[in-house]
């Protein structure tokens, strides 16, 4: 279906000022960090490397990078200290986000409030740039990918991790047919109505590989990952967080308050098992 984008709302769909955002960051970290760390681990020794973590969220990936680059903990006191760090001694890790309120400022990396759409990429060059579940929410995604690629040092790696959300059949097991239908309805409303109206592209994940190649990156590699999540675990509980943060949009799309209450109960039920979205992790290097 075709959904018109409201320019006034085509920014990141899940506001960090929302009280539910804490749960979102915690759930996403529990769901994705192990896979992310395994992918970043394929890049070899990161000691002394200059790393940019885009859309850092709760800071878990930036913290992991700081521990492996040798980033001076004092550099995390402010963004300027990180920008003035000398490359080749201790690593440099800069964590950015549109809203930095949930990024700890004393975890061994620098923090910078930054808008990918309106501001240039923070001054590099960068040996590693990583972004997880960021560009799929931004209509200018291809342009931003090009700017990120251009900010790499020779041999530097761009790592983009995105969800392919267009695939249905999230429900692997349910206590009854009604609950399974409820999960299907939630997925349909989220992917085909609510998020596209904000500029989200559910097909972007599968296009990152080709886009990196078109920008001249080499050794491009994509790994795809998904897990099952019973009710009461992060992958199921994230469903309730999504609806809580976008409640008005869900109701406007016909997802009633009564169905939201039923959904909130369902994602707590261990008899429900859902599949996580397919995570496409794509790595490309600057020649």
C-alpha atoms as a PDB file:
ATOM      1  CA  UNK A   1       0.000   0.000   0.000  1.00  0.00           C
ATOM      2  CA  UNK A   2       1.077   3.632  -0.448  1.00  0.00           C
ATOM      3  CA  UNK A   3       1.209   5.805   2.652  1.00  0.00           C
ATOM      4  CA  UNK A   4       1.791   9.548   2.502  1.00  0.00           C
ATOM      5  CA  UNK A   5       4.522  10.902   4.763  1.00  0.00           C
ATOM      6  CA  UNK A   6       3.714  13.788   7.073  1.00  0.00           C
ATOM      7  CA  UNK A   7       6.878  15.960   6.932  1.00  0.00           C
ATOM      8  CA  UNK A   8       6.215  17.314  10.416  1.00  0.00           C
ATOM      9  CA  UNK A   9       6.422  13.785  11.829  1.00  0.00           C
ATOM     10  CA  UNK A  10       9.042  12.171   9.601  1.00  0.00           C
ATOM     11  CA  UNK A  11      11.683  12.116  12.338  1.00  0.00           C
ATOM     12  CA  UNK A  12      12.674   9.225  14.568  1.00  0.00           C
ATOM     13  CA  UNK A  13       9.463   7.461  15.482  1.00  0.00           C
ATOM     14  CA  UNK A  14      10.275   6.713  19.112  1.00  0.00           C
ATOM     15  CA  UNK A  15      10.962   9.832  21.176  1.00  0.00           C
ATOM     16  CA  UNK A  16      13.627   9.550  23.882  1.00  0.00           C
ATOM     17  CA  UNK A  17      11.612  11.994  25.997  1.00  0.00           C
ATOM     18  CA  UNK A  18       8.838   9.409  26.270  1.00  0.00           C
ATOM     19  CA  UNK A  19       8.948   7.511  29.632  1.00  0.00           C
ATOM     20  CA  UNK A  20       8.664   4.246  27.672  1.00  0.00           C
ATOM     21  CA  UNK A  21      11.987   4.914  25.939  1.00  0.00           C
ATOM     22  CA  UNK A  22      13.963   3.487  28.859  1.00  0.00           C
ATOM     23  CA  UNK A  23      12.260   0.144  28.387  1.00  0.00           C
ATOM     24  CA  UNK A  24      12.833   0.384  24.636  1.00  0.00           C
ATOM     25  CA  UNK A  25      16.589   0.828  25.002  1.00  0.00           C
ATOM     26  CA  UNK A  26      16.817  -1.976  27.565  1.00  0.00           C
ATOM     27  CA  UNK A  27      14.821  -4.399  25.416  1.00  0.00           C
ATOM     28  CA  UNK A  28      16.758  -3.589  22.248  1.00  0.00           C
ATOM     29  CA  UNK A  29      20.053  -4.011  24.053  1.00  0.00           C
ATOM     30  CA  UNK A  30      18.990  -7.422  25.381  1.00  0.00           C
ATOM     31  CA  UNK A  31      17.738  -8.470  21.953  1.00  0.00           C
ATOM     32  CA  UNK A  32      20.550  -7.245  19.741  1.00  0.00           C
ATOM     33  CA  UNK A  33      23.790  -6.566  21.590  1.00  0.00           C
ATOM     34  CA  UNK A  34      25.213 -10.089  21.342  1.00  0.00           C
ATOM     35  CA  UNK A  35      24.708 -10.155  17.567  1.00  0.00           C
ATOM     36  CA  UNK A  36      26.059  -6.632  17.176  1.00  0.00           C
ATOM     37  CA  UNK A  37      29.143  -7.420  19.235  1.00  0.00           C
ATOM     38  CA  UNK A  38      29.811 -10.581  17.250  1.00  0.00           C
ATOM     39  CA  UNK A  39      29.647  -8.607  13.994  1.00  0.00           C
ATOM     40  CA  UNK A  40      31.879  -5.812  15.281  1.00  0.00           C
ATOM     41  CA  UNK A  41      34.263  -8.494  16.517  1.00  0.00           C
ATOM     42  CA  UNK A  42      34.885  -9.570  12.920  1.00  0.00           C
ATOM     43  CA  UNK A  43      36.618  -6.236  12.280  1.00  0.00           C
ATOM     44  CA  UNK A  44      39.699  -7.295  14.212  1.00  0.00           C
ATOM     45  CA  UNK A  45      41.594  -5.483  16.951  1.00  0.00           C
ATOM     46  CA  UNK A  46      39.984  -2.108  17.637  1.00  0.00           C
ATOM     47  CA  UNK A  47      42.722  -0.783  19.909  1.00  0.00           C
ATOM     48  CA  UNK A  48      43.434   2.837  19.076  1.00  0.00           C
ATOM     49  CA  UNK A  49      40.658   3.034  16.498  1.00  0.00           C
ATOM     50  CA  UNK A  50      38.456   6.070  15.932  1.00  0.00           C
ATOM     51  CA  UNK A  51      34.818   4.972  16.268  1.00  0.00           C
ATOM     52  CA  UNK A  52      31.567   6.833  15.674  1.00  0.00           C
ATOM     53  CA  UNK A  53      28.408   5.324  17.190  1.00  0.00           C
ATOM     54  CA  UNK A  54      25.403   6.942  15.468  1.00  0.00           C
ATOM     55  CA  UNK A  55      22.034   6.920  17.216  1.00  0.00           C
ATOM     56  CA  UNK A  56      23.608   5.527  20.358  1.00  0.00           C
ATOM     57  CA  UNK A  57      20.328   5.146  22.270  1.00  0.00           C
ATOM     58  CA  UNK A  58      21.203   3.849  25.730  1.00  0.00           C
ATOM     59  CA  UNK A  59      24.934   3.674  25.041  1.00  0.00           C
ATOM     60  CA  UNK A  60      25.539  -0.091  25.303  1.00  0.00           C
ATOM     61  CA  UNK A  61      27.402  -0.357  21.991  1.00  0.00           C
ATOM     62  CA  UNK A  62      29.450   2.789  22.637  1.00  0.00           C
ATOM     63  CA  UNK A  63      30.447   1.352  26.011  1.00  0.00           C
ATOM     64  CA  UNK A  64      31.546  -1.921  24.344  1.00  0.00           C
ATOM     65  CA  UNK A  65      33.581   0.014  21.779  1.00  0.00           C
ATOM     66  CA  UNK A  66      35.243   2.166  24.431  1.00  0.00           C
ATOM     67  CA  UNK A  67      36.398  -0.943  26.287  1.00  0.00           C
ATOM     68  CA  UNK A  68      38.037  -2.300  23.121  1.00  0.00           C
ATOM     69  CA  UNK A  69      39.582   0.837  21.703  1.00  0.00           C
ATOM     70  CA  UNK A  70      41.373   2.000  24.843  1.00  0.00           C
ATOM     71  CA  UNK A  71      39.306   5.189  24.942  1.00  0.00           C
ATOM     72  CA  UNK A  72      40.377   7.360  27.861  1.00  0.00           C
ATOM     73  CA  UNK A  73      37.448   7.485  30.295  1.00  0.00           C
ATOM     74  CA  UNK A  74      38.069  11.180  30.852  1.00  0.00           C
ATOM     75  CA  UNK A  75      37.307  11.827  27.184  1.00  0.00           C
ATOM     76  CA  UNK A  76      33.723  10.927  27.911  1.00  0.00           C
ATOM     77  CA  UNK A  77      33.256  14.073  29.930  1.00  0.00           C
ATOM     78  CA  UNK A  78      32.358  16.064  26.851  1.00  0.00           C
ATOM     79  CA  UNK A  79      32.205  15.805  23.086  1.00  0.00           C
ATOM     80  CA  UNK A  80      34.968  18.355  22.519  1.00  0.00           C
ATOM     81  CA  UNK A  81      37.491  16.265  24.404  1.00  0.00           C
ATOM     82  CA  UNK A  82      36.684  13.354  22.117  1.00  0.00           C
ATOM     83  CA  UNK A  83      36.968  15.506  19.004  1.00  0.00           C
ATOM     84  CA  UNK A  84      40.409  16.734  20.043  1.00  0.00           C
ATOM     85  CA  UNK A  85      41.784  13.286  20.955  1.00  0.00           C
ATOM     86  CA  UNK A  86      44.952  12.326  19.135  1.00  0.00           C
ATOM     87  CA  UNK A  87      44.505   9.285  16.881  1.00  0.00           C
ATOM     88  CA  UNK A  88      46.943   6.398  17.208  1.00  0.00           C
ATOM     89  CA  UNK A  89      47.322   6.619  21.011  1.00  0.00           C
ATOM     90  CA  UNK A  90      44.157   5.746  22.860  1.00  0.00           C
ATOM     91  CA  UNK A  91      41.037   5.067  20.878  1.00  0.00           C
ATOM     92  CA  UNK A  92      38.349   7.611  20.264  1.00  0.00           C
ATOM     93  CA  UNK A  93      34.682   6.741  20.617  1.00  0.00           C
ATOM     94  CA  UNK A  94      32.013   9.356  19.972  1.00  0.00           C
ATOM     95  CA  UNK A  95      28.377   8.464  20.729  1.00  0.00           C
ATOM     96  CA  UNK A  96      25.763  10.658  19.055  1.00  0.00           C
ATOM     97  CA  UNK A  97      21.995  10.875  19.108  1.00  0.00           C
ATOM     98  CA  UNK A  98      19.229  13.312  18.285  1.00  0.00           C
ATOM     99  CA  UNK A  99      18.340  13.180  21.984  1.00  0.00           C
ATOM    100  CA  UNK A 100      21.211  12.141  24.275  1.00  0.00           C
ATOM    101  CA  UNK A 101      19.313  11.984  27.563  1.00  0.00           C
ATOM    102  CA  UNK A 102      19.751   8.187  27.919  1.00  0.00           C
ATOM    103  CA  UNK A 103      23.443   8.016  26.978  1.00  0.00           C
ATOM    104  CA  UNK A 104      25.593   7.901  30.144  1.00  0.00           C
ATOM    105  CA  UNK A 105      28.171  10.674  30.057  1.00  0.00           C
ATOM    106  CA  UNK A 106      30.803   8.859  32.142  1.00  0.00           C
ATOM    107  CA  UNK A 107      31.132   5.465  30.433  1.00  0.00           C
ATOM    108  CA  UNK A 108      34.452   6.061  28.729  1.00  0.00           C
ATOM    109  CA  UNK A 109      33.349   7.735  25.504  1.00  0.00           C
ATOM    110  CA  UNK A 110      32.444  11.215  24.296  1.00  0.00           C
ATOM    111  CA  UNK A 111      28.806  12.208  23.791  1.00  0.00           C
ATOM    112  CA  UNK A 112      27.433  14.643  21.226  1.00  0.00           C
ATOM    113  CA  UNK A 113      23.865  15.698  20.474  1.00  0.00           C
ATOM    114  CA  UNK A 114      23.641  15.490  16.710  1.00  0.00           C
ATOM    115  CA  UNK A 115      21.084  15.551  13.898  1.00  0.00           C
ATOM    116  CA  UNK A 116      22.028  13.258  11.003  1.00  0.00           C
ATOM    117  CA  UNK A 117      19.608  15.019   8.663  1.00  0.00           C
ATOM    118  CA  UNK A 118      20.580  18.661   9.138  1.00  0.00           C
ATOM    119  CA  UNK A 119      24.189  18.492  10.387  1.00  0.00           C
ATOM    120  CA  UNK A 120      27.364  17.149   8.765  1.00  0.00           C
ATOM    121  CA  UNK A 121      28.877  13.895   9.993  1.00  0.00           C
ATOM    122  CA  UNK A 122      31.037  14.671  13.051  1.00  0.00           C
ATOM    123  CA  UNK A 123      34.594  15.418  11.993  1.00  0.00           C
ATOM    124  CA  UNK A 124      36.639  12.309  11.320  1.00  0.00           C
ATOM    125  CA  UNK A 125      37.992  10.472   9.544  1.00  0.00           C
ATOM    126  CA  UNK A 126      36.600   7.371  11.253  1.00  0.00           C
ATOM    127  CA  UNK A 127      37.982   3.851  11.321  1.00  0.00           C
ATOM    128  CA  UNK A 128      34.543   2.506  12.278  1.00  0.00           C
ATOM    129  CA  UNK A 129      31.060   3.964  11.984  1.00  0.00           C
ATOM    130  CA  UNK A 130      28.174   1.946  13.412  1.00  0.00           C
ATOM    131  CA  UNK A 131      24.442   2.638  13.382  1.00  0.00           C
ATOM    132  CA  UNK A 132      21.703   0.264  14.534  1.00  0.00           C
ATOM    133  CA  UNK A 133      18.018   0.735  13.684  1.00  0.00           C
ATOM    134  CA  UNK A 134      18.615   4.346  12.681  1.00  0.00           C
ATOM    135  CA  UNK A 135      18.482   4.927   8.929  1.00  0.00           C
ATOM    136  CA  UNK A 136      15.341   2.870   8.358  1.00  0.00           C
ATOM    137  CA  UNK A 137      13.462   5.620  10.233  1.00  0.00           C
ATOM    138  CA  UNK A 138      14.896   8.503   8.156  1.00  0.00           C
ATOM    139  CA  UNK A 139      13.631   9.281   4.631  1.00  0.00           C
ATOM    140  CA  UNK A 140      17.050  10.718   3.672  1.00  0.00           C
ATOM    141  CA  UNK A 141      18.672   7.348   4.455  1.00  0.00           C
ATOM    142  CA  UNK A 142      20.539   6.869   1.159  1.00  0.00           C
ATOM    143  CA  UNK A 143      22.008  10.375   1.278  1.00  0.00           C
ATOM    144  CA  UNK A 144      23.112   9.854   4.883  1.00  0.00           C
ATOM    145  CA  UNK A 145      24.711   6.508   4.035  1.00  0.00           C
ATOM    146  CA  UNK A 146      26.735   8.274   1.356  1.00  0.00           C
ATOM    147  CA  UNK A 147      27.917  10.905   3.846  1.00  0.00           C
ATOM    148  CA  UNK A 148      28.836   8.257   6.418  1.00  0.00           C
ATOM    149  CA  UNK A 149      30.808   6.321   3.806  1.00  0.00           C
ATOM    150  CA  UNK A 150      32.669   9.478   2.805  1.00  0.00           C
ATOM    151  CA  UNK A 151      33.651  10.092   6.444  1.00  0.00           C
ATOM    152  CA  UNK A 152      35.547   6.783   6.688  1.00  0.00           C
ATOM    153  CA  UNK A 153      39.311   6.645   6.792  1.00  0.00           C
ATOM    154  CA  UNK A 154      40.935   4.457   4.117  1.00  0.00           C
ATOM    155  CA  UNK A 155      40.192   0.870   5.121  1.00  0.00           C
ATOM    156  CA  UNK A 156      37.560   2.051   7.598  1.00  0.00           C
ATOM    157  CA  UNK A 157      34.326   0.091   8.057  1.00  0.00           C
ATOM    158  CA  UNK A 158      30.707   1.214   7.952  1.00  0.00           C
ATOM    159  CA  UNK A 159      28.396  -1.140   9.875  1.00  0.00           C
ATOM    160  CA  UNK A 160      24.650  -0.641   9.461  1.00  0.00           C
ATOM    161  CA  UNK A 161      22.167  -2.892  11.241  1.00  0.00           C
ATOM    162  CA  UNK A 162      18.528  -2.599  10.238  1.00  0.00           C
ATOM    163  CA  UNK A 163      15.295  -4.517  10.723  1.00  0.00           C
ATOM    164  CA  UNK A 164      13.444  -5.955   7.757  1.00  0.00           C
ATOM    165  CA  UNK A 165       9.918  -5.523   9.067  1.00  0.00           C
ATOM    166  CA  UNK A 166       7.901  -6.321   5.954  1.00  0.00           C
ATOM    167  CA  UNK A 167       7.799 -10.031   6.737  1.00  0.00           C
ATOM    168  CA  UNK A 168       4.703 -11.255   8.572  1.00  0.00           C
ATOM    169  CA  UNK A 169       4.104 -14.396  10.616  1.00  0.00           C
ATOM    170  CA  UNK A 170       5.691 -13.030  13.771  1.00  0.00           C
ATOM    171  CA  UNK A 171       3.618 -15.332  15.947  1.00  0.00           C
ATOM    172  CA  UNK A 172       5.311 -18.731  16.301  1.00  0.00           C
ATOM    173  CA  UNK A 173       2.985 -20.000  19.024  1.00  0.00           C
ATOM    174  CA  UNK A 174      -0.013 -18.594  20.882  1.00  0.00           C
ATOM    175  CA  UNK A 175      -2.480 -19.759  23.557  1.00  0.00           C
ATOM    176  CA  UNK A 176      -5.378 -19.314  21.103  1.00  0.00           C
ATOM    177  CA  UNK A 177      -6.263 -18.188  17.615  1.00  0.00           C
ATOM    178  CA  UNK A 178      -7.473 -14.790  18.810  1.00  0.00           C
ATOM    179  CA  UNK A 179      -4.079 -13.963  20.324  1.00  0.00           C
ATOM    180  CA  UNK A 180      -2.301 -14.990  17.139  1.00  0.00           C
ATOM    181  CA  UNK A 181      -4.643 -12.743  15.161  1.00  0.00           C
ATOM    182  CA  UNK A 182      -3.960  -9.893  17.576  1.00  0.00           C
ATOM    183  CA  UNK A 183      -0.215 -10.129  16.920  1.00  0.00           C
ATOM    184  CA  UNK A 184      -0.842 -10.182  13.167  1.00  0.00           C
ATOM    185  CA  UNK A 185      -3.072  -7.107  13.438  1.00  0.00           C
ATOM    186  CA  UNK A 186      -0.446  -5.264  15.482  1.00  0.00           C
ATOM    187  CA  UNK A 187       2.231  -6.026  12.885  1.00  0.00           C
ATOM    188  CA  UNK A 188       0.016  -4.934  10.001  1.00  0.00           C
ATOM    189  CA  UNK A 189      -0.892  -1.608  11.617  1.00  0.00           C
ATOM    190  CA  UNK A 190       2.690  -0.841  12.703  1.00  0.00           C
ATOM    191  CA  UNK A 191       4.446  -1.733   9.444  1.00  0.00           C
ATOM    192  CA  UNK A 192       1.867  -0.695   6.875  1.00  0.00           C
ATOM    193  CA  UNK A 193       0.306   2.378   8.482  1.00  0.00           C
ATOM    194  CA  UNK A 194       1.938   3.903  11.554  1.00  0.00           C
ATOM    195  CA  UNK A 195       5.653   3.784  10.740  1.00  0.00           C
ATOM    196  CA  UNK A 196       5.483   4.535   6.988  1.00  0.00           C
ATOM    197  CA  UNK A 197       3.578   7.737   7.817  1.00  0.00           C
ATOM    198  CA  UNK A 198       6.695   8.795   9.734  1.00  0.00           C
ATOM    199  CA  UNK A 199       9.103   8.009   6.914  1.00  0.00           C
ATOM    200  CA  UNK A 200      10.061   4.455   7.893  1.00  0.00           C
ATOM    201  CA  UNK A 201      10.909   2.046   5.051  1.00  0.00           C
ATOM    202  CA  UNK A 202      10.407  -1.637   5.983  1.00  0.00           C
ATOM    203  CA  UNK A 203      12.368  -2.745   2.893  1.00  0.00           C
ATOM    204  CA  UNK A 204      15.490  -0.669   3.559  1.00  0.00           C
ATOM    205  CA  UNK A 205      17.420  -3.422   5.356  1.00  0.00           C
ATOM    206  CA  UNK A 206      17.619  -5.575   2.228  1.00  0.00           C
ATOM    207  CA  UNK A 207      18.783  -2.605   0.124  1.00  0.00           C
ATOM    208  CA  UNK A 208      21.702  -1.534   2.297  1.00  0.00           C
ATOM    209  CA  UNK A 209      24.108  -4.022   0.703  1.00  0.00           C
ATOM    210  CA  UNK A 210      23.521  -2.738  -2.840  1.00  0.00           C
ATOM    211  CA  UNK A 211      23.568   0.873  -1.649  1.00  0.00           C
ATOM    212  CA  UNK A 212      26.978   0.409  -0.034  1.00  0.00           C
ATOM    213  CA  UNK A 213      28.337  -1.091  -3.246  1.00  0.00           C
ATOM    214  CA  UNK A 214      26.917   1.817  -5.242  1.00  0.00           C
ATOM    215  CA  UNK A 215      28.792   4.214  -2.945  1.00  0.00           C
ATOM    216  CA  UNK A 216      32.070   2.454  -3.753  1.00  0.00           C
ATOM    217  CA  UNK A 217      32.506   0.481  -0.537  1.00  0.00           C
ATOM    218  CA  UNK A 218      34.281  -2.852  -0.883  1.00  0.00           C
ATOM    219  CA  UNK A 219      34.246  -6.243   0.848  1.00  0.00           C
ATOM    220  CA  UNK A 220      30.550  -5.669   1.553  1.00  0.00           C
ATOM    221  CA  UNK A 221      29.091  -8.461   3.666  1.00  0.00           C
ATOM    222  CA  UNK A 222      25.614  -9.019   5.134  1.00  0.00           C
ATOM    223  CA  UNK A 223      24.612 -11.377   7.939  1.00  0.00           C
ATOM    224  CA  UNK A 224      20.958 -11.924   8.896  1.00  0.00           C
ATOM    225  CA  UNK A 225      19.801 -12.866  12.383  1.00  0.00           C
ATOM    226  CA  UNK A 226      16.541 -13.482  14.258  1.00  0.00           C
ATOM    227  CA  UNK A 227      15.505 -15.229  17.478  1.00  0.00           C
ATOM    228  CA  UNK A 228      12.299 -16.407  19.114  1.00  0.00           C
ATOM    229  CA  UNK A 229      10.972 -14.597  22.188  1.00  0.00           C
ATOM    230  CA  UNK A 230       8.393 -15.985  24.652  1.00  0.00           C
ATOM    231  CA  UNK A 231       5.963 -13.683  26.419  1.00  0.00           C
ATOM    232  CA  UNK A 232       7.635 -11.820  29.264  1.00  0.00           C
ATOM    233  CA  UNK A 233      11.007 -11.577  27.487  1.00  0.00           C
ATOM    234  CA  UNK A 234      12.437  -8.496  25.731  1.00  0.00           C
ATOM    235  CA  UNK A 235      11.401  -9.405  22.194  1.00  0.00           C
ATOM    236  CA  UNK A 236       7.779  -9.802  23.215  1.00  0.00           C
ATOM    237  CA  UNK A 237       7.682  -6.905  25.674  1.00  0.00           C
ATOM    238  CA  UNK A 238       8.982  -4.542  22.986  1.00  0.00           C
ATOM    239  CA  UNK A 239       5.600  -4.928  21.274  1.00  0.00           C
ATOM    240  CA  UNK A 240       3.862  -3.289  24.231  1.00  0.00           C
ATOM    241  CA  UNK A 241       6.469  -0.513  24.324  1.00  0.00           C
ATOM    242  CA  UNK A 242       5.945   0.192  20.626  1.00  0.00           C
ATOM    243  CA  UNK A 243       2.221   0.567  21.104  1.00  0.00           C
ATOM    244  CA  UNK A 244       2.606   2.660  24.258  1.00  0.00           C
ATOM    245  CA  UNK A 245       4.875   5.137  22.482  1.00  0.00           C
ATOM    246  CA  UNK A 246       2.635   5.304  19.403  1.00  0.00           C
ATOM    247  CA  UNK A 247      -0.715   4.802  21.101  1.00  0.00           C
ATOM    248  CA  UNK A 248      -2.475   7.734  19.409  1.00  0.00           C
ATOM    249  CA  UNK A 249      -1.372   6.544  15.984  1.00  0.00           C
ATOM    250  CA  UNK A 250      -2.490   2.976  16.662  1.00  0.00           C
ATOM    251  CA  UNK A 251      -5.923   4.094  17.801  1.00  0.00           C
ATOM    252  CA  UNK A 252      -6.243   6.422  14.796  1.00  0.00           C
ATOM    253  CA  UNK A 253      -5.449   3.413  12.588  1.00  0.00           C
ATOM    254  CA  UNK A 254      -8.299   1.421  14.138  1.00  0.00           C
ATOM    255  CA  UNK A 255      -6.426  -0.511  16.827  1.00  0.00           C
ATOM    256  CA  UNK A 256      -8.865   0.016  19.700  1.00  0.00           C
ATOM    257  CA  UNK A 257      -8.009   0.654  23.340  1.00  0.00           C
ATOM    258  CA  UNK A 258      -9.558  -2.706  24.205  1.00  0.00           C
ATOM    259  CA  UNK A 259      -7.227  -4.473  21.754  1.00  0.00           C
ATOM    260  CA  UNK A 260      -4.248  -2.617  23.215  1.00  0.00           C
ATOM    261  CA  UNK A 261      -5.143  -3.923  26.686  1.00  0.00           C
ATOM    262  CA  UNK A 262      -5.405  -7.457  25.322  1.00  0.00           C
ATOM    263  CA  UNK A 263      -2.081  -7.083  23.542  1.00  0.00           C
ATOM    264  CA  UNK A 264      -0.374  -5.850  26.719  1.00  0.00           C
ATOM    265  CA  UNK A 265      -1.585  -8.947  28.541  1.00  0.00           C
ATOM    266  CA  UNK A 266      -0.645 -11.279  25.687  1.00  0.00           C
ATOM    267  CA  UNK A 267       3.011 -10.210  25.546  1.00  0.00           C
ATOM    268  CA  UNK A 268       3.351 -11.175  29.218  1.00  0.00           C
ATOM    269  CA  UNK A 269       2.013 -14.696  28.606  1.00  0.00           C
ATOM    270  CA  UNK A 270       4.818 -17.286  28.248  1.00  0.00           C
ATOM    271  CA  UNK A 271       2.540 -19.338  26.001  1.00  0.00           C
ATOM    272  CA  UNK A 272       2.999 -16.661  23.352  1.00  0.00           C
ATOM    273  CA  UNK A 273       6.193 -16.958  21.294  1.00  0.00           C
ATOM    274  CA  UNK A 274       7.068 -14.341  18.679  1.00  0.00           C
ATOM    275  CA  UNK A 275       9.845 -14.119  16.137  1.00  0.00           C
ATOM    276  CA  UNK A 276      12.106 -11.126  16.257  1.00  0.00           C
ATOM    277  CA  UNK A 277      12.426  -9.102  13.075  1.00  0.00           C
ATOM    278  CA  UNK A 278      15.188 -10.178  10.722  1.00  0.00           C
ATOM    279  CA  UNK A 279      18.247  -8.069  11.549  1.00  0.00           C
ATOM    280  CA  UNK A 280      20.382  -7.347   8.484  1.00  0.00           C
ATOM    281  CA  UNK A 281      23.897  -6.457   9.592  1.00  0.00           C
ATOM    282  CA  UNK A 282      25.852  -5.063   6.629  1.00  0.00           C
ATOM    283  CA  UNK A 283      29.551  -4.170   6.719  1.00  0.00           C
ATOM    284  CA  UNK A 284      31.343  -2.289   3.956  1.00  0.00           C
ATOM    285  CA  UNK A 285      34.856  -0.865   3.847  1.00  0.00           C
ATOM    286  CA  UNK A 286      36.357   2.163   2.202  1.00  0.00           C
ATOM    287  CA  UNK A 287      38.994   1.036  -0.288  1.00  0.00           C
END
